[in-house]
N, C-alpha and C. Protein backbone atom coordinates (compact mmCIF):
# COMPACT_ATOMS: atom_id res chain seq x y z
N MET A 1 -5.85 11.88 -9.23
CA MET A 1 -6.28 12.11 -7.88
C MET A 1 -5.04 12.15 -6.99
N ARG A 2 -4.88 13.23 -6.27
CA ARG A 2 -3.71 13.43 -5.40
C ARG A 2 -4.13 13.19 -3.95
N LEU A 3 -3.46 12.24 -3.30
CA LEU A 3 -3.78 11.87 -1.92
C LEU A 3 -2.50 11.86 -1.09
N PHE A 4 -2.66 11.86 0.23
CA PHE A 4 -1.52 11.84 1.15
C PHE A 4 -1.73 10.75 2.19
N LEU A 5 -0.75 9.87 2.33
CA LEU A 5 -0.82 8.79 3.29
C LEU A 5 0.09 9.12 4.47
N LYS A 6 -0.45 9.00 5.68
CA LYS A 6 0.38 9.24 6.85
C LYS A 6 -0.01 8.27 7.95
N GLN A 7 0.92 8.04 8.86
CA GLN A 7 0.62 7.16 9.98
C GLN A 7 -0.45 7.82 10.84
N ASP A 8 -1.37 7.00 11.33
CA ASP A 8 -2.48 7.49 12.14
C ASP A 8 -2.01 7.60 13.59
N THR A 9 -2.06 8.79 14.12
CA THR A 9 -1.66 9.02 15.50
C THR A 9 -2.87 9.36 16.38
N SER A 10 -4.06 9.10 15.88
CA SER A 10 -5.28 9.43 16.63
C SER A 10 -5.50 8.42 17.76
N GLU A 11 -6.40 8.74 18.64
CA GLU A 11 -6.74 7.86 19.75
C GLU A 11 -7.45 6.60 19.28
N GLU A 12 -7.99 6.62 18.07
CA GLU A 12 -8.71 5.46 17.54
C GLU A 12 -7.76 4.31 17.21
N GLY A 13 -6.47 4.59 17.12
CA GLY A 13 -5.48 3.54 16.98
C GLY A 13 -5.39 2.88 15.62
N GLY A 14 -5.70 3.60 14.56
CA GLY A 14 -5.55 3.05 13.22
C GLY A 14 -4.09 2.98 12.82
N CYS A 15 -3.82 2.40 11.68
CA CYS A 15 -2.45 2.32 11.16
C CYS A 15 -2.09 3.55 10.32
N PHE A 16 -2.97 3.88 9.37
CA PHE A 16 -2.76 4.99 8.46
C PHE A 16 -4.07 5.72 8.22
N VAL A 17 -3.95 6.98 7.82
CA VAL A 17 -5.07 7.72 7.24
C VAL A 17 -4.61 8.20 5.87
N ILE A 18 -5.55 8.32 4.95
CA ILE A 18 -5.27 8.83 3.62
C ILE A 18 -6.13 10.07 3.44
N LEU A 19 -5.45 11.19 3.19
CA LEU A 19 -6.09 12.49 3.13
C LEU A 19 -6.19 12.98 1.69
N ASP A 20 -7.22 13.78 1.42
CA ASP A 20 -7.30 14.44 0.11
C ASP A 20 -6.51 15.75 0.18
N GLU A 21 -6.52 16.50 -0.90
CA GLU A 21 -5.73 17.74 -0.97
C GLU A 21 -6.18 18.79 0.03
N SER A 22 -7.43 18.73 0.48
CA SER A 22 -7.90 19.72 1.45
C SER A 22 -7.62 19.28 2.89
N GLY A 23 -7.01 18.09 3.06
CA GLY A 23 -6.66 17.61 4.40
C GLY A 23 -7.74 16.78 5.06
N ASP A 24 -8.83 16.49 4.35
CA ASP A 24 -9.89 15.66 4.90
C ASP A 24 -9.55 14.18 4.74
N ILE A 25 -9.91 13.39 5.74
CA ILE A 25 -9.66 11.94 5.68
C ILE A 25 -10.64 11.32 4.70
N CYS A 26 -10.12 10.64 3.69
CA CYS A 26 -11.00 9.93 2.75
C CYS A 26 -10.88 8.42 2.89
N PHE A 27 -9.79 7.94 3.48
CA PHE A 27 -9.63 6.51 3.74
C PHE A 27 -8.93 6.35 5.09
N ARG A 28 -9.23 5.25 5.75
CA ARG A 28 -8.58 4.93 7.02
C ARG A 28 -8.15 3.47 6.96
N VAL A 29 -6.98 3.18 7.51
CA VAL A 29 -6.47 1.81 7.55
C VAL A 29 -6.33 1.39 9.00
N THR A 30 -6.96 0.27 9.34
CA THR A 30 -6.82 -0.30 10.67
C THR A 30 -6.19 -1.67 10.54
N GLY A 31 -5.72 -2.20 11.63
CA GLY A 31 -5.10 -3.50 11.59
C GLY A 31 -5.24 -4.23 12.90
N GLU A 32 -5.04 -5.54 12.82
CA GLU A 32 -5.07 -6.35 14.02
C GLU A 32 -4.12 -7.53 13.84
N PRO A 33 -3.42 -7.86 14.91
CA PRO A 33 -2.54 -9.03 14.83
C PRO A 33 -3.37 -10.31 14.80
N VAL A 34 -2.94 -11.25 14.01
CA VAL A 34 -3.56 -12.57 13.95
C VAL A 34 -2.44 -13.60 13.93
N PHE A 35 -2.78 -14.84 14.13
CA PHE A 35 -1.77 -15.89 14.14
C PHE A 35 -0.95 -15.86 12.85
N GLY A 36 0.34 -15.72 12.99
CA GLY A 36 1.23 -15.74 11.83
C GLY A 36 1.35 -14.43 11.08
N GLY A 37 0.78 -13.34 11.60
CA GLY A 37 0.91 -12.07 10.88
C GLY A 37 -0.07 -11.01 11.32
N THR A 38 -0.60 -10.29 10.34
CA THR A 38 -1.46 -9.14 10.58
C THR A 38 -2.55 -9.09 9.51
N VAL A 39 -3.71 -8.55 9.87
CA VAL A 39 -4.75 -8.25 8.89
C VAL A 39 -4.97 -6.75 8.93
N LEU A 40 -4.90 -6.11 7.76
CA LEU A 40 -5.16 -4.68 7.62
C LEU A 40 -6.47 -4.51 6.85
N TYR A 41 -7.20 -3.44 7.17
CA TYR A 41 -8.45 -3.15 6.47
C TYR A 41 -8.41 -1.72 5.97
N LEU A 42 -8.81 -1.51 4.72
CA LEU A 42 -8.94 -0.18 4.14
C LEU A 42 -10.41 0.19 4.14
N PHE A 43 -10.75 1.30 4.82
CA PHE A 43 -12.13 1.77 4.90
C PHE A 43 -12.26 3.08 4.14
N GLY A 44 -13.40 3.28 3.50
CA GLY A 44 -13.70 4.52 2.81
C GLY A 44 -14.21 5.58 3.76
N ARG A 45 -14.50 6.73 3.22
CA ARG A 45 -14.96 7.89 3.99
C ARG A 45 -16.21 7.58 4.81
N GLU A 46 -17.10 6.76 4.27
CA GLU A 46 -18.35 6.43 4.96
C GLU A 46 -18.20 5.28 5.94
N GLY A 47 -17.01 4.74 6.10
CA GLY A 47 -16.78 3.64 7.01
C GLY A 47 -16.98 2.27 6.40
N LEU A 48 -17.21 2.21 5.10
CA LEU A 48 -17.40 0.94 4.40
C LEU A 48 -16.05 0.29 4.14
N ARG A 49 -15.92 -1.00 4.47
CA ARG A 49 -14.67 -1.71 4.23
C ARG A 49 -14.50 -1.96 2.73
N LEU A 50 -13.39 -1.47 2.17
CA LEU A 50 -13.13 -1.57 0.74
C LEU A 50 -12.12 -2.64 0.39
N ALA A 51 -11.21 -2.96 1.32
CA ALA A 51 -10.17 -3.95 1.03
C ALA A 51 -9.68 -4.59 2.32
N ARG A 52 -9.14 -5.80 2.15
CA ARG A 52 -8.55 -6.57 3.24
C ARG A 52 -7.15 -6.98 2.80
N ILE A 53 -6.18 -6.76 3.68
CA ILE A 53 -4.79 -7.14 3.39
C ILE A 53 -4.35 -8.11 4.48
N ARG A 54 -4.06 -9.34 4.11
CA ARG A 54 -3.60 -10.35 5.06
C ARG A 54 -2.11 -10.53 4.85
N GLN A 55 -1.34 -10.22 5.89
CA GLN A 55 0.11 -10.36 5.82
C GLN A 55 0.56 -11.54 6.66
N TYR A 56 1.32 -12.43 6.03
CA TYR A 56 1.86 -13.60 6.70
C TYR A 56 3.35 -13.40 6.88
N ALA A 57 3.82 -13.57 8.09
CA ALA A 57 5.25 -13.46 8.37
C ALA A 57 5.80 -14.86 8.57
N MET A 58 6.48 -15.37 7.55
CA MET A 58 7.10 -16.69 7.60
C MET A 58 8.57 -16.49 7.29
N GLN A 59 9.39 -16.48 8.33
CA GLN A 59 10.81 -16.18 8.16
C GLN A 59 11.41 -17.02 7.05
N PRO A 60 12.15 -16.47 6.14
CA PRO A 60 12.53 -15.07 6.05
C PRO A 60 11.60 -14.24 5.16
N TYR A 61 10.42 -14.74 4.85
CA TYR A 61 9.53 -14.07 3.91
C TYR A 61 8.39 -13.32 4.61
N CYS A 62 7.84 -12.35 3.91
CA CYS A 62 6.57 -11.74 4.29
C CYS A 62 5.71 -11.79 3.04
N PHE A 63 4.58 -12.42 3.17
CA PHE A 63 3.68 -12.66 2.05
C PHE A 63 2.37 -11.93 2.34
N SER A 64 1.92 -11.08 1.44
CA SER A 64 0.70 -10.30 1.63
C SER A 64 -0.31 -10.65 0.55
N VAL A 65 -1.55 -10.84 0.97
CA VAL A 65 -2.65 -11.11 0.04
C VAL A 65 -3.65 -9.96 0.19
N ILE A 66 -3.91 -9.28 -0.91
CA ILE A 66 -4.81 -8.14 -0.93
C ILE A 66 -6.09 -8.55 -1.66
N THR A 67 -7.23 -8.32 -1.01
CA THR A 67 -8.53 -8.56 -1.64
C THR A 67 -9.27 -7.23 -1.62
N ALA A 68 -9.65 -6.76 -2.80
CA ALA A 68 -10.29 -5.44 -2.90
C ALA A 68 -11.42 -5.48 -3.91
N GLY A 69 -12.39 -4.63 -3.69
CA GLY A 69 -13.46 -4.47 -4.68
C GLY A 69 -14.19 -5.76 -4.98
N GLU A 70 -14.59 -5.89 -6.21
CA GLU A 70 -15.36 -7.04 -6.66
C GLU A 70 -14.44 -8.10 -7.24
N GLY A 71 -13.85 -8.89 -6.37
CA GLY A 71 -13.01 -9.99 -6.81
C GLY A 71 -11.60 -9.62 -7.24
N GLU A 72 -11.20 -8.38 -7.04
CA GLU A 72 -9.84 -7.99 -7.38
C GLU A 72 -8.90 -8.47 -6.28
N SER A 73 -7.72 -8.93 -6.69
CA SER A 73 -6.76 -9.36 -5.69
C SER A 73 -5.34 -9.14 -6.20
N ALA A 74 -4.43 -9.09 -5.24
CA ALA A 74 -3.01 -8.95 -5.55
C ALA A 74 -2.23 -9.66 -4.46
N THR A 75 -1.03 -10.09 -4.80
CA THR A 75 -0.14 -10.67 -3.80
C THR A 75 1.20 -9.95 -3.89
N LEU A 76 1.83 -9.80 -2.75
CA LEU A 76 3.14 -9.18 -2.67
C LEU A 76 4.00 -10.09 -1.83
N LEU A 77 5.13 -10.54 -2.37
CA LEU A 77 6.05 -11.42 -1.66
C LEU A 77 7.33 -10.66 -1.39
N GLN A 78 7.69 -10.57 -0.14
CA GLN A 78 8.93 -9.90 0.26
C GLN A 78 9.89 -10.96 0.77
N ASN A 79 11.10 -10.93 0.25
CA ASN A 79 12.16 -11.83 0.69
C ASN A 79 13.31 -10.98 1.21
N PRO A 80 13.35 -10.70 2.52
CA PRO A 80 14.41 -9.86 3.07
C PRO A 80 15.81 -10.41 2.81
N ALA A 81 15.96 -11.74 2.83
CA ALA A 81 17.28 -12.33 2.60
C ALA A 81 17.78 -12.01 1.20
N GLY A 82 16.87 -12.03 0.22
CA GLY A 82 17.27 -11.74 -1.15
C GLY A 82 17.08 -10.29 -1.54
N GLY A 83 16.44 -9.51 -0.68
CA GLY A 83 16.21 -8.09 -0.96
C GLY A 83 15.31 -7.85 -2.15
N LYS A 84 14.27 -8.69 -2.30
CA LYS A 84 13.39 -8.58 -3.47
C LYS A 84 11.93 -8.48 -3.05
N ALA A 85 11.13 -7.92 -3.92
CA ALA A 85 9.68 -7.92 -3.76
C ALA A 85 9.07 -8.30 -5.10
N LEU A 86 8.07 -9.14 -5.07
CA LEU A 86 7.41 -9.57 -6.28
C LEU A 86 5.92 -9.29 -6.14
N LEU A 87 5.33 -8.65 -7.12
CA LEU A 87 3.91 -8.31 -7.10
C LEU A 87 3.20 -9.08 -8.20
N LYS A 88 2.05 -9.68 -7.85
CA LYS A 88 1.20 -10.32 -8.83
C LYS A 88 -0.22 -9.83 -8.60
N VAL A 89 -0.83 -9.28 -9.62
CA VAL A 89 -2.19 -8.75 -9.54
C VAL A 89 -3.08 -9.61 -10.42
N SER A 90 -4.20 -10.07 -9.86
CA SER A 90 -5.09 -10.95 -10.62
C SER A 90 -5.62 -10.26 -11.87
N ARG A 91 -5.64 -10.98 -12.96
CA ARG A 91 -6.19 -10.54 -14.24
C ARG A 91 -5.57 -9.25 -14.78
N LYS A 92 -4.44 -8.85 -14.26
CA LYS A 92 -3.79 -7.63 -14.73
C LYS A 92 -2.29 -7.90 -14.80
N ASN A 93 -1.64 -7.25 -15.72
CA ASN A 93 -0.19 -7.39 -15.83
C ASN A 93 0.45 -6.11 -15.31
N TRP A 94 0.35 -5.89 -14.03
CA TRP A 94 0.92 -4.71 -13.40
C TRP A 94 2.28 -5.06 -12.81
N ARG A 95 3.11 -4.03 -12.66
CA ARG A 95 4.40 -4.26 -11.99
C ARG A 95 4.85 -3.01 -11.26
N LEU A 96 5.75 -3.23 -10.31
CA LEU A 96 6.32 -2.14 -9.54
C LEU A 96 7.60 -1.67 -10.19
N ARG A 97 7.85 -0.37 -10.09
CA ARG A 97 9.08 0.21 -10.64
C ARG A 97 9.56 1.25 -9.64
N GLY A 98 10.84 1.24 -9.33
CA GLY A 98 11.38 2.25 -8.44
C GLY A 98 12.03 1.67 -7.20
N ASP A 99 12.12 2.48 -6.16
CA ASP A 99 12.81 2.12 -4.94
C ASP A 99 11.80 1.95 -3.81
N ILE A 100 11.48 0.71 -3.50
CA ILE A 100 10.48 0.46 -2.46
C ILE A 100 11.06 0.73 -1.07
N ILE A 101 12.35 0.53 -0.90
CA ILE A 101 12.98 0.81 0.40
C ILE A 101 12.77 2.28 0.75
N ALA A 102 12.99 3.17 -0.20
CA ALA A 102 12.80 4.61 0.02
C ALA A 102 11.33 5.02 -0.10
N ARG A 103 10.48 4.05 -0.43
CA ARG A 103 9.05 4.29 -0.63
C ARG A 103 8.80 5.31 -1.74
N SER A 104 9.59 5.18 -2.77
CA SER A 104 9.48 6.03 -3.96
C SER A 104 9.35 5.09 -5.16
N PHE A 105 8.11 4.82 -5.56
CA PHE A 105 7.89 3.82 -6.60
C PHE A 105 6.65 4.17 -7.41
N ASP A 106 6.54 3.51 -8.54
CA ASP A 106 5.37 3.62 -9.42
C ASP A 106 4.75 2.25 -9.58
N LEU A 107 3.48 2.23 -9.90
CA LEU A 107 2.79 1.02 -10.29
C LEU A 107 2.39 1.25 -11.74
N ILE A 108 2.83 0.35 -12.62
CA ILE A 108 2.57 0.53 -14.05
C ILE A 108 1.89 -0.71 -14.62
N ASP A 109 1.19 -0.51 -15.73
CA ASP A 109 0.54 -1.63 -16.39
C ASP A 109 1.44 -2.19 -17.48
N ALA A 110 0.95 -3.18 -18.22
CA ALA A 110 1.74 -3.88 -19.23
C ALA A 110 2.24 -2.95 -20.34
N SER A 111 1.50 -1.90 -20.64
CA SER A 111 1.90 -0.99 -21.71
C SER A 111 2.87 0.09 -21.22
N GLY A 112 3.17 0.09 -19.90
CA GLY A 112 4.05 1.10 -19.34
C GLY A 112 3.33 2.34 -18.84
N ARG A 113 2.00 2.32 -18.92
CA ARG A 113 1.20 3.44 -18.44
C ARG A 113 1.23 3.47 -16.91
N VAL A 114 1.49 4.63 -16.35
CA VAL A 114 1.59 4.78 -14.90
C VAL A 114 0.19 4.82 -14.29
N LEU A 115 -0.06 3.91 -13.34
CA LEU A 115 -1.34 3.86 -12.63
C LEU A 115 -1.28 4.63 -11.32
N MET A 116 -0.10 4.55 -10.66
CA MET A 116 0.06 5.20 -9.36
C MET A 116 1.52 5.62 -9.20
N ILE A 117 1.70 6.81 -8.63
CA ILE A 117 3.03 7.29 -8.25
C ILE A 117 3.01 7.47 -6.73
N HIS A 118 4.01 6.94 -6.05
CA HIS A 118 4.08 7.00 -4.59
C HIS A 118 5.46 7.56 -4.22
N GLY A 119 5.48 8.60 -3.41
CA GLY A 119 6.76 9.17 -3.00
C GLY A 119 6.62 10.06 -1.78
N LYS A 120 7.74 10.44 -1.22
CA LYS A 120 7.78 11.30 -0.04
C LYS A 120 7.22 12.67 -0.38
N CYS A 121 6.40 13.20 0.52
CA CYS A 121 5.88 14.55 0.38
C CYS A 121 6.88 15.50 1.04
N TRP A 122 7.40 16.44 0.28
CA TRP A 122 8.48 17.31 0.76
C TRP A 122 7.98 18.67 1.22
N GLU A 123 6.72 18.78 1.56
CA GLU A 123 6.19 20.05 2.04
C GLU A 123 6.59 20.25 3.50
N PRO A 124 6.82 21.49 3.90
CA PRO A 124 7.24 21.77 5.29
C PRO A 124 6.24 21.25 6.32
N ARG A 125 6.76 20.75 7.43
CA ARG A 125 5.97 20.27 8.56
C ARG A 125 5.04 19.11 8.20
N ARG A 126 5.37 18.36 7.17
CA ARG A 126 4.55 17.21 6.80
C ARG A 126 5.41 15.96 6.77
N SER A 127 4.91 14.92 7.34
CA SER A 127 5.58 13.63 7.30
C SER A 127 4.63 12.65 6.61
N TYR A 128 4.36 12.93 5.35
CA TYR A 128 3.40 12.17 4.58
C TYR A 128 4.09 11.53 3.38
N TYR A 129 3.38 10.60 2.78
CA TYR A 129 3.76 10.09 1.47
C TYR A 129 2.65 10.48 0.51
N GLU A 130 3.04 11.03 -0.62
CA GLU A 130 2.07 11.47 -1.62
C GLU A 130 1.78 10.32 -2.57
N ILE A 131 0.51 10.15 -2.88
CA ILE A 131 0.06 9.12 -3.82
C ILE A 131 -0.73 9.82 -4.91
N ASN A 132 -0.30 9.65 -6.15
CA ASN A 132 -1.04 10.18 -7.30
C ASN A 132 -1.62 9.01 -8.06
N LEU A 133 -2.95 9.00 -8.17
CA LEU A 133 -3.66 7.95 -8.89
C LEU A 133 -4.14 8.50 -10.22
N ASN A 134 -3.86 7.78 -11.29
CA ASN A 134 -4.24 8.26 -12.61
C ASN A 134 -5.59 7.74 -13.08
N GLU A 135 -6.12 6.70 -12.42
CA GLU A 135 -7.42 6.15 -12.79
C GLU A 135 -8.21 5.84 -11.53
N GLU A 136 -9.34 6.49 -11.37
CA GLU A 136 -10.14 6.28 -10.17
C GLU A 136 -10.66 4.85 -10.06
N ARG A 137 -10.90 4.20 -11.19
CA ARG A 137 -11.45 2.84 -11.15
C ARG A 137 -10.48 1.83 -10.53
N ASN A 138 -9.19 2.15 -10.50
CA ASN A 138 -8.20 1.27 -9.88
C ASN A 138 -7.76 1.77 -8.50
N ALA A 139 -8.43 2.77 -7.97
CA ALA A 139 -7.98 3.44 -6.75
C ALA A 139 -7.86 2.50 -5.56
N VAL A 140 -8.87 1.67 -5.30
CA VAL A 140 -8.85 0.83 -4.10
C VAL A 140 -7.71 -0.17 -4.16
N LEU A 141 -7.52 -0.83 -5.28
CA LEU A 141 -6.44 -1.80 -5.39
C LEU A 141 -5.07 -1.12 -5.33
N CYS A 142 -4.92 0.01 -6.01
CA CYS A 142 -3.65 0.75 -5.96
C CYS A 142 -3.34 1.22 -4.55
N LEU A 143 -4.33 1.78 -3.86
CA LEU A 143 -4.11 2.23 -2.49
C LEU A 143 -3.78 1.06 -1.57
N SER A 144 -4.41 -0.07 -1.79
CA SER A 144 -4.13 -1.25 -0.97
C SER A 144 -2.68 -1.71 -1.15
N ILE A 145 -2.20 -1.67 -2.38
CA ILE A 145 -0.80 -2.04 -2.64
C ILE A 145 0.13 -1.05 -1.95
N ALA A 146 -0.18 0.24 -2.04
CA ALA A 146 0.64 1.25 -1.38
C ALA A 146 0.64 1.05 0.14
N VAL A 147 -0.53 0.79 0.71
CA VAL A 147 -0.64 0.57 2.16
C VAL A 147 0.19 -0.65 2.57
N CYS A 148 0.10 -1.70 1.80
CA CYS A 148 0.84 -2.91 2.10
C CYS A 148 2.34 -2.63 2.15
N ILE A 149 2.86 -1.93 1.17
CA ILE A 149 4.29 -1.60 1.11
C ILE A 149 4.67 -0.64 2.23
N ASP A 150 3.85 0.36 2.48
CA ASP A 150 4.14 1.31 3.57
C ASP A 150 4.11 0.63 4.93
N TYR A 151 3.19 -0.29 5.11
CA TYR A 151 3.11 -1.00 6.38
C TYR A 151 4.37 -1.84 6.60
N LEU A 152 4.79 -2.55 5.57
CA LEU A 152 6.02 -3.35 5.67
C LEU A 152 7.22 -2.46 5.98
N ALA A 153 7.30 -1.32 5.29
CA ALA A 153 8.43 -0.41 5.50
C ALA A 153 8.41 0.21 6.89
N SER A 154 7.22 0.57 7.37
CA SER A 154 7.14 1.22 8.68
C SER A 154 7.30 0.23 9.83
N CYS A 155 7.18 -1.06 9.52
CA CYS A 155 7.32 -2.08 10.57
C CYS A 155 8.61 -2.86 10.42
N GLY A 156 9.58 -2.30 9.74
CA GLY A 156 10.89 -2.94 9.67
C GLY A 156 11.17 -3.71 8.39
N GLY A 157 10.28 -3.67 7.40
CA GLY A 157 10.55 -4.36 6.15
C GLY A 157 11.46 -3.54 5.28
N LYS A 158 12.71 -3.38 5.70
CA LYS A 158 13.62 -2.43 5.08
C LYS A 158 14.42 -2.99 3.92
N THR A 159 14.17 -4.25 3.58
CA THR A 159 14.98 -4.82 2.52
C THR A 159 14.17 -5.11 1.27
N VAL A 160 13.08 -4.41 1.09
CA VAL A 160 12.21 -4.65 -0.08
C VAL A 160 12.74 -3.87 -1.28
N VAL A 161 12.90 -4.55 -2.40
CA VAL A 161 13.36 -3.93 -3.64
C VAL A 161 12.48 -4.45 -4.76
N ALA A 162 12.04 -3.60 -5.64
CA ALA A 162 11.18 -4.05 -6.74
C ALA A 162 11.98 -4.85 -7.74
N ILE A 163 11.40 -5.96 -8.21
CA ILE A 163 12.00 -6.74 -9.29
C ILE A 163 10.96 -6.89 -10.38
N ASN A 164 11.37 -6.81 -11.60
CA ASN A 164 10.47 -7.00 -12.72
C ASN A 164 11.28 -7.28 -13.95
């Protein structure tokens, strides 16, 4: 499944929209500031909330907790001082590979199978990031991880590097 993530510039004030290949919005990400950080929500095409991302900003760390689907969860720890990011996904042995600072990374499982590819879309007049999902059953959790990383990067989290 080929999708495109871009910052939401609509009057509705969301954070991101995720478009399909025909340019239709299939997911929307909204957010709100809360004590100690931010809460982001991933909504599907019908407006149903699919995931919640709680980001805690505790200097010098940024800690994100993703809750998606039926009991699926992931955590992402960013340490700007050490320039590292650590991902832990519940009941799965997934890891990040690539350059998170450049937002060019893959999400892979324990066997090395690629679950998601995330990178800059180089098409003319587009300021998007392309996301390729290889398994629809993992789409919500994969997209939530991508949104979490993109949000950190777009809000100044410039020192994130994948470690594994």
